[in-house]
Amino acid sequence: GYLGMFKMFVAGGLAGGVLYAALSPLSGTSGVP
């Protein structure tokens, strides 16, 4: 639905950002936005 789509978009983005930040020290990208 309408509101669900906004929630899905933001949640997917947040999950992606969190995992990227968490694993970035392993790949040498902790300072790469």
PDB file of all heavy atoms in Angstrom:
ATOM      1  N   GLY A   1       0.795  -1.211   0.000  1.00  0.00           N
ATOM      2  CA  GLY A   1       0.000   0.000   0.000  1.00  0.00           C
ATOM      3  C   GLY A   1       0.835   1.271   0.000  1.00  0.00           C
ATOM      4  O   GLY A   1       2.070   1.236  -0.093  1.00  0.00           O
ATOM      5  N   TYR A   2       0.145   2.394   0.125  1.00  0.00           N
ATOM      6  CA  TYR A   2       0.774   3.716  -0.013  1.00  0.00           C
ATOM      7  C   TYR A   2       1.810   3.984   1.083  1.00  0.00           C
ATOM      8  O   TYR A   2       2.999   4.175   0.799  1.00  0.00           O
ATOM      9  CB  TYR A   2      -0.310   4.788   0.011  1.00  0.00           C
ATOM     10  CG  TYR A   2       0.204   6.205  -0.183  1.00  0.00           C
ATOM     11  CD1 TYR A   2       0.522   6.674  -1.445  1.00  0.00           C
ATOM     12  CD2 TYR A   2       0.364   7.058   0.906  1.00  0.00           C
ATOM     13  CE1 TYR A   2       0.990   7.968  -1.638  1.00  0.00           C
ATOM     14  CE2 TYR A   2       0.835   8.352   0.728  1.00  0.00           C
ATOM     15  CZ  TYR A   2       1.138   8.801  -0.533  1.00  0.00           C
ATOM     16  OH  TYR A   2       1.605  10.082  -0.706  1.00  0.00           O
ATOM     17  N   LEU A   3       1.381   3.989   2.337  1.00  0.00           N
ATOM     18  CA  LEU A   3       2.323   4.247   3.423  1.00  0.00           C
ATOM     19  C   LEU A   3       3.349   3.126   3.550  1.00  0.00           C
ATOM     20  O   LEU A   3       4.504   3.371   3.880  1.00  0.00           O
ATOM     21  CB  LEU A   3       1.566   4.415   4.745  1.00  0.00           C
ATOM     22  CG  LEU A   3       0.691   5.662   4.880  1.00  0.00           C
ATOM     23  CD1 LEU A   3      -0.037   5.670   6.218  1.00  0.00           C
ATOM     24  CD2 LEU A   3       1.547   6.931   4.741  1.00  0.00           C
ATOM     25  N   GLY A   4       2.908   1.911   3.281  1.00  0.00           N
ATOM     26  CA  GLY A   4       3.821   0.784   3.357  1.00  0.00           C
ATOM     27  C   GLY A   4       4.986   0.901   2.395  1.00  0.00           C
ATOM     28  O   GLY A   4       6.102   0.477   2.690  1.00  0.00           O
ATOM     29  N   MET A   5       4.744   1.491   1.224  1.00  0.00           N
ATOM     30  CA  MET A   5       5.805   1.661   0.245  1.00  0.00           C
ATOM     31  C   MET A   5       6.869   2.619   0.758  1.00  0.00           C
ATOM     32  O   MET A   5       8.073   2.387   0.593  1.00  0.00           O
ATOM     33  CB  MET A   5       5.219   2.164  -1.076  1.00  0.00           C
ATOM     34  CG  MET A   5       6.241   2.228  -2.224  1.00  0.00           C
ATOM     35  SD  MET A   5       6.866   0.593  -2.653  1.00  0.00           S
ATOM     36  CE  MET A   5       8.601   0.948  -2.916  1.00  0.00           C
ATOM     37  N   PHE A   6       6.458   3.711   1.390  1.00  0.00           N
ATOM     38  CA  PHE A   6       7.425   4.635   1.977  1.00  0.00           C
ATOM     39  C   PHE A   6       8.231   3.942   3.072  1.00  0.00           C
ATOM     40  O   PHE A   6       9.458   4.089   3.165  1.00  0.00           O
ATOM     41  CB  PHE A   6       6.709   5.861   2.557  1.00  0.00           C
ATOM     42  CG  PHE A   6       6.204   6.822   1.524  1.00  0.00           C
ATOM     43  CD1 PHE A   6       4.846   6.975   1.302  1.00  0.00           C
ATOM     44  CD2 PHE A   6       7.081   7.586   0.764  1.00  0.00           C
ATOM     45  CE1 PHE A   6       4.364   7.862   0.350  1.00  0.00           C
ATOM     46  CE2 PHE A   6       6.619   8.477  -0.186  1.00  0.00           C
ATOM     47  CZ  PHE A   6       5.260   8.617  -0.396  1.00  0.00           C
ATOM     48  N   LYS A   7       7.540   3.174   3.912  1.00  0.00           N
ATOM     49  CA  LYS A   7       8.230   2.457   4.989  1.00  0.00           C
ATOM     50  C   LYS A   7       9.221   1.446   4.427  1.00  0.00           C
ATOM     51  O   LYS A   7      10.336   1.284   4.929  1.00  0.00           O
ATOM     52  CB  LYS A   7       7.208   1.756   5.883  1.00  0.00           C
ATOM     53  CG  LYS A   7       6.285   2.694   6.638  1.00  0.00           C
ATOM     54  CD  LYS A   7       5.216   1.904   7.382  1.00  0.00           C
ATOM     55  CE  LYS A   7       4.193   2.811   8.039  1.00  0.00           C
ATOM     56  NZ  LYS A   7       3.120   2.031   8.705  1.00  0.00           N
ATOM     57  N   MET A   8       8.798   0.750   3.384  1.00  0.00           N
ATOM     58  CA  MET A   8       9.656  -0.258   2.767  1.00  0.00           C
ATOM     59  C   MET A   8      10.912   0.382   2.182  1.00  0.00           C
ATOM     60  O   MET A   8      12.028  -0.129   2.334  1.00  0.00           O
ATOM     61  CB  MET A   8       8.858  -0.981   1.678  1.00  0.00           C
ATOM     62  CG  MET A   8       9.616  -2.098   1.001  1.00  0.00           C
ATOM     63  SD  MET A   8       9.951  -3.465   2.116  1.00  0.00           S
ATOM     64  CE  MET A   8      11.166  -4.337   1.144  1.00  0.00           C
ATOM     65  N   PHE A   9      10.737   1.494   1.496  1.00  0.00           N
ATOM     66  CA  PHE A   9      11.869   2.190   0.886  1.00  0.00           C
ATOM     67  C   PHE A   9      12.873   2.617   1.952  1.00  0.00           C
ATOM     68  O   PHE A   9      14.081   2.359   1.836  1.00  0.00           O
ATOM     69  CB  PHE A   9      11.369   3.409   0.120  1.00  0.00           C
ATOM     70  CG  PHE A   9      12.450   4.221  -0.534  1.00  0.00           C
ATOM     71  CD1 PHE A   9      12.884   3.934  -1.818  1.00  0.00           C
ATOM     72  CD2 PHE A   9      13.040   5.285   0.141  1.00  0.00           C
ATOM     73  CE1 PHE A   9      13.894   4.674  -2.415  1.00  0.00           C
ATOM     74  CE2 PHE A   9      14.049   6.038  -0.448  1.00  0.00           C
ATOM     75  CZ  PHE A   9      14.472   5.731  -1.726  1.00  0.00           C
ATOM     76  N   VAL A  10      12.387   3.267   2.999  1.00  0.00           N
ATOM     77  CA  VAL A  10      13.280   3.769   4.048  1.00  0.00           C
ATOM     78  C   VAL A  10      13.943   2.611   4.810  1.00  0.00           C
ATOM     79  O   VAL A  10      15.142   2.644   5.080  1.00  0.00           O
ATOM     80  CB  VAL A  10      12.516   4.686   5.018  1.00  0.00           C
ATOM     81  CG1 VAL A  10      13.386   5.056   6.224  1.00  0.00           C
ATOM     82  CG2 VAL A  10      12.056   5.948   4.299  1.00  0.00           C
ATOM     83  N   ALA A  11      13.168   1.589   5.122  1.00  0.00           N
ATOM     84  CA  ALA A  11      13.728   0.457   5.862  1.00  0.00           C
ATOM     85  C   ALA A  11      14.805  -0.257   5.049  1.00  0.00           C
ATOM     86  O   ALA A  11      15.855  -0.639   5.585  1.00  0.00           O
ATOM     87  CB  ALA A  11      12.615  -0.525   6.233  1.00  0.00           C
ATOM     88  N   GLY A  12      14.562  -0.431   3.751  1.00  0.00           N
ATOM     89  CA  GLY A  12      15.573  -1.058   2.903  1.00  0.00           C
ATOM     90  C   GLY A  12      16.838  -0.233   2.830  1.00  0.00           C
ATOM     91  O   GLY A  12      17.949  -0.761   2.874  1.00  0.00           O
ATOM     92  N   GLY A  13      16.674   1.093   2.729  1.00  0.00           N
ATOM     93  CA  GLY A  13      17.833   1.968   2.710  1.00  0.00           C
ATOM     94  C   GLY A  13      18.593   1.941   4.018  1.00  0.00           C
ATOM     95  O   GLY A  13      19.835   1.896   4.037  1.00  0.00           O
ATOM     96  N   LEU A  14      17.883   1.964   5.129  1.00  0.00           N
ATOM     97  CA  LEU A  14      18.533   1.923   6.444  1.00  0.00           C
ATOM     98  C   LEU A  14      19.291   0.615   6.644  1.00  0.00           C
ATOM     99  O   LEU A  14      20.434   0.619   7.134  1.00  0.00           O
ATOM    100  CB  LEU A  14      17.490   2.088   7.550  1.00  0.00           C
ATOM    101  CG  LEU A  14      16.867   3.475   7.715  1.00  0.00           C
ATOM    102  CD1 LEU A  14      15.746   3.431   8.750  1.00  0.00           C
ATOM    103  CD2 LEU A  14      17.926   4.499   8.119  1.00  0.00           C
ATOM    104  N   ALA A  15      18.669  -0.490   6.268  1.00  0.00           N
ATOM    105  CA  ALA A  15      19.329  -1.787   6.407  1.00  0.00           C
ATOM    106  C   ALA A  15      20.606  -1.849   5.574  1.00  0.00           C
ATOM    107  O   ALA A  15      21.631  -2.360   6.022  1.00  0.00           O
ATOM    108  CB  ALA A  15      18.377  -2.909   5.997  1.00  0.00           C
ATOM    109  N   GLY A  16      20.531  -1.299   4.358  1.00  0.00           N
ATOM    110  CA  GLY A  16      21.715  -1.271   3.505  1.00  0.00           C
ATOM    111  C   GLY A  16      22.820  -0.421   4.094  1.00  0.00           C
ATOM    112  O   GLY A  16      23.997  -0.808   4.102  1.00  0.00           O
ATOM    113  N   GLY A  17      22.469   0.749   4.615  1.00  0.00           N
ATOM    114  CA  GLY A  17      23.463   1.639   5.197  1.00  0.00           C
ATOM    115  C   GLY A  17      24.117   1.050   6.431  1.00  0.00           C
ATOM    116  O   GLY A  17      25.338   1.155   6.622  1.00  0.00           O
ATOM    117  N   VAL A  18      23.328   0.414   7.277  1.00  0.00           N
ATOM    118  CA  VAL A  18      23.854  -0.176   8.511  1.00  0.00           C
ATOM    119  C   VAL A  18      24.833  -1.303   8.202  1.00  0.00           C
ATOM    120  O   VAL A  18      25.918  -1.389   8.795  1.00  0.00           O
ATOM    121  CB  VAL A  18      22.700  -0.687   9.400  1.00  0.00           C
ATOM    122  CG1 VAL A  18      23.239  -1.555  10.537  1.00  0.00           C
ATOM    123  CG2 VAL A  18      21.925   0.492   9.976  1.00  0.00           C
ATOM    124  N   LEU A  19      24.466  -2.190   7.270  1.00  0.00           N
ATOM    125  CA  LEU A  19      25.377  -3.297   6.932  1.00  0.00           C
ATOM    126  C   LEU A  19      26.640  -2.774   6.266  1.00  0.00           C
ATOM    127  O   LEU A  19      27.744  -3.279   6.527  1.00  0.00           O
ATOM    128  CB  LEU A  19      24.671  -4.309   6.027  1.00  0.00           C
ATOM    129  CG  LEU A  19      25.469  -5.599   5.776  1.00  0.00           C
ATOM    130  CD1 LEU A  19      25.693  -6.347   7.090  1.00  0.00           C
ATOM    131  CD2 LEU A  19      24.739  -6.505   4.788  1.00  0.00           C
ATOM    132  N   TYR A  20      26.498  -1.769   5.408  1.00  0.00           N
ATOM    133  CA  TYR A  20      27.680  -1.182   4.770  1.00  0.00           C
ATOM    134  C   TYR A  20      28.638  -0.632   5.820  1.00  0.00           C
ATOM    135  O   TYR A  20      29.841  -0.899   5.772  1.00  0.00           O
ATOM    136  CB  TYR A  20      27.261  -0.074   3.814  1.00  0.00           C
ATOM    137  CG  TYR A  20      28.430   0.713   3.244  1.00  0.00           C
ATOM    138  CD1 TYR A  20      29.171   0.207   2.170  1.00  0.00           C
ATOM    139  CD2 TYR A  20      28.812   1.941   3.794  1.00  0.00           C
ATOM    140  CE1 TYR A  20      30.249   0.911   1.663  1.00  0.00           C
ATOM    141  CE2 TYR A  20      29.888   2.644   3.289  1.00  0.00           C
ATOM    142  CZ  TYR A  20      30.602   2.130   2.220  1.00  0.00           C
ATOM    143  OH  TYR A  20      31.676   2.824   1.721  1.00  0.00           O
ATOM    144  N   ALA A  21      28.117   0.131   6.771  1.00  0.00           N
ATOM    145  CA  ALA A  21      28.963   0.722   7.804  1.00  0.00           C
ATOM    146  C   ALA A  21      29.591  -0.359   8.684  1.00  0.00           C
ATOM    147  O   ALA A  21      30.773  -0.277   9.038  1.00  0.00           O
ATOM    148  CB  ALA A  21      28.153   1.694   8.656  1.00  0.00           C
ATOM    149  N   ALA A  22      28.811  -1.380   9.012  1.00  0.00           N
ATOM    150  CA  ALA A  22      29.310  -2.434   9.894  1.00  0.00           C
ATOM    151  C   ALA A  22      30.458  -3.225   9.281  1.00  0.00           C
ATOM    152  O   ALA A  22      31.407  -3.616   9.979  1.00  0.00           O
ATOM    153  CB  ALA A  22      28.166  -3.374  10.273  1.00  0.00           C
ATOM    154  N   LEU A  23      30.386  -3.463   7.972  1.00  0.00           N
ATOM    155  CA  LEU A  23      31.411  -4.276   7.307  1.00  0.00           C
ATOM    156  C   LEU A  23      32.504  -3.445   6.641  1.00  0.00           C
ATOM    157  O   LEU A  23      33.489  -4.011   6.145  1.00  0.00           O
ATOM    158  CB  LEU A  23      30.759  -5.180   6.263  1.00  0.00           C
ATOM    159  CG  LEU A  23      29.749  -6.215   6.798  1.00  0.00           C
ATOM    160  CD1 LEU A  23      29.206  -7.066   5.656  1.00  0.00           C
ATOM    161  CD2 LEU A  23      30.399  -7.093   7.860  1.00  0.00           C
ATOM    162  N   SER A  24      32.351  -2.132   6.624  1.00  0.00           N
ATOM    163  CA  SER A  24      33.320  -1.290   5.923  1.00  0.00           C
ATOM    164  C   SER A  24      34.755  -1.402   6.450  1.00  0.00           C
ATOM    165  O   SER A  24      35.698  -1.304   5.652  1.00  0.00           O
ATOM    166  CB  SER A  24      32.865   0.176   5.929  1.00  0.00           C
ATOM    167  OG  SER A  24      32.742   0.672   7.249  1.00  0.00           O
ATOM    168  N   PRO A  25      34.996  -1.615   7.754  1.00  0.00           N
ATOM    169  CA  PRO A  25      36.388  -1.794   8.185  1.00  0.00           C
ATOM    170  C   PRO A  25      37.062  -3.005   7.555  1.00  0.00           C
ATOM    171  O   PRO A  25      38.287  -3.020   7.362  1.00  0.00           O
ATOM    172  CB  PRO A  25      36.267  -1.955   9.712  1.00  0.00           C
ATOM    173  CG  PRO A  25      35.000  -1.255  10.063  1.00  0.00           C
ATOM    174  CD  PRO A  25      34.087  -1.546   8.922  1.00  0.00           C
ATOM    175  N   LEU A  26      36.285  -4.027   7.230  1.00  0.00           N
ATOM    176  CA  LEU A  26      36.848  -5.233   6.623  1.00  0.00           C
ATOM    177  C   LEU A  26      37.270  -5.014   5.183  1.00  0.00           C
ATOM    178  O   LEU A  26      38.150  -5.717   4.674  1.00  0.00           O
ATOM    179  CB  LEU A  26      35.829  -6.377   6.679  1.00  0.00           C
ATOM    180  CG  LEU A  26      35.354  -6.798   8.075  1.00  0.00           C
ATOM    181  CD1 LEU A  26      34.318  -7.912   7.957  1.00  0.00           C
ATOM    182  CD2 LEU A  26      36.527  -7.244   8.932  1.00  0.00           C
ATOM    183  N   SER A  27      36.643  -4.056   4.530  1.00  0.00           N
ATOM    184  CA  SER A  27      36.935  -3.807   3.116  1.00  0.00           C
ATOM    185  C   SER A  27      37.734  -2.521   2.907  1.00  0.00           C
ATOM    186  O   SER A  27      37.986  -2.127   1.771  1.00  0.00           O
ATOM    187  CB  SER A  27      35.632  -3.741   2.312  1.00  0.00           C
ATOM    188  OG  SER A  27      34.779  -2.725   2.826  1.00  0.00           O
ATOM    189  N   GLY A  28      38.108  -1.867   4.001  1.00  0.00           N
ATOM    190  CA  GLY A  28      38.884  -0.633   3.886  1.00  0.00           C
ATOM    191  C   GLY A  28      38.101   0.549   3.391  1.00  0.00           C
ATOM    192  O   GLY A  28      38.666   1.468   2.804  1.00  0.00           O
ATOM    193  N   THR A  29      36.794   0.550   3.624  1.00  0.00           N
ATOM    194  CA  THR A  29      35.955   1.648   3.123  1.00  0.00           C
ATOM    195  C   THR A  29      35.243   2.393   4.259  1.00  0.00           C
ATOM    196  O   THR A  29      34.225   3.031   4.026  1.00  0.00           O
ATOM    197  CB  THR A  29      34.896   1.110   2.135  1.00  0.00           C
ATOM    198  OG1 THR A  29      34.120   0.093   2.786  1.00  0.00           O
ATOM    199  CG2 THR A  29      35.554   0.531   0.895  1.00  0.00           C
ATOM    200  N   SER A  30      35.780   2.317   5.468  1.00  0.00           N
ATOM    201  CA  SER A  30      35.095   2.953   6.599  1.00  0.00           C
ATOM    202  C   SER A  30      35.029   4.469   6.457  1.00  0.00           C
ATOM    203  O   SER A  30      34.185   5.111   7.078  1.00  0.00           O
ATOM    204  CB  SER A  30      35.792   2.585   7.914  1.00  0.00           C
ATOM    205  OG  SER A  30      37.168   2.958   7.890  1.00  0.00           O
ATOM    206  N   GLY A  31      35.900   5.044   5.641  1.00  0.00           N
ATOM    207  CA  GLY A  31      35.874   6.484   5.427  1.00  0.00           C
ATOM    208  C   GLY A  31      35.274   6.877   4.093  1.00  0.00           C
ATOM    209  O   GLY A  31      35.270   8.059   3.738  1.00  0.00           O
ATOM    210  N   VAL A  32      34.757   5.903   3.344  1.00  0.00           N
ATOM    211  CA  VAL A  32      34.183   6.154   2.020  1.00  0.00           C
ATOM    212  C   VAL A  32      32.663   6.234   2.137  1.00  0.00           C
ATOM    213  O   VAL A  32      32.019   5.238   2.489  1.00  0.00           O
ATOM    214  CB  VAL A  32      34.567   5.052   1.020  1.00  0.00           C
ATOM    215  CG1 VAL A  32      33.959   5.339  -0.341  1.00  0.00           C
ATOM    216  CG2 VAL A  32      36.077   4.922   0.929  1.00  0.00           C
ATOM    217  N   PRO A  33      32.063   7.391   1.859  1.00  0.00           N
ATOM    218  CA  PRO A  33      30.614   7.517   2.004  1.00  0.00           C
ATOM    219  C   PRO A  33      29.862   6.727   0.929  1.00  0.00           C
ATOM    220  O   PRO A  33      30.279   6.680  -0.223  1.00  0.00           O
ATOM    221  CB  PRO A  33      30.350   9.019   1.838  1.00  0.00           C
ATOM    222  CG  PRO A  33      31.675   9.679   1.927  1.00  0.00           C
ATOM    223  CD  PRO A  33      32.682   8.670   1.483  1.00  0.00           C
TER     224      PRO A  33
END
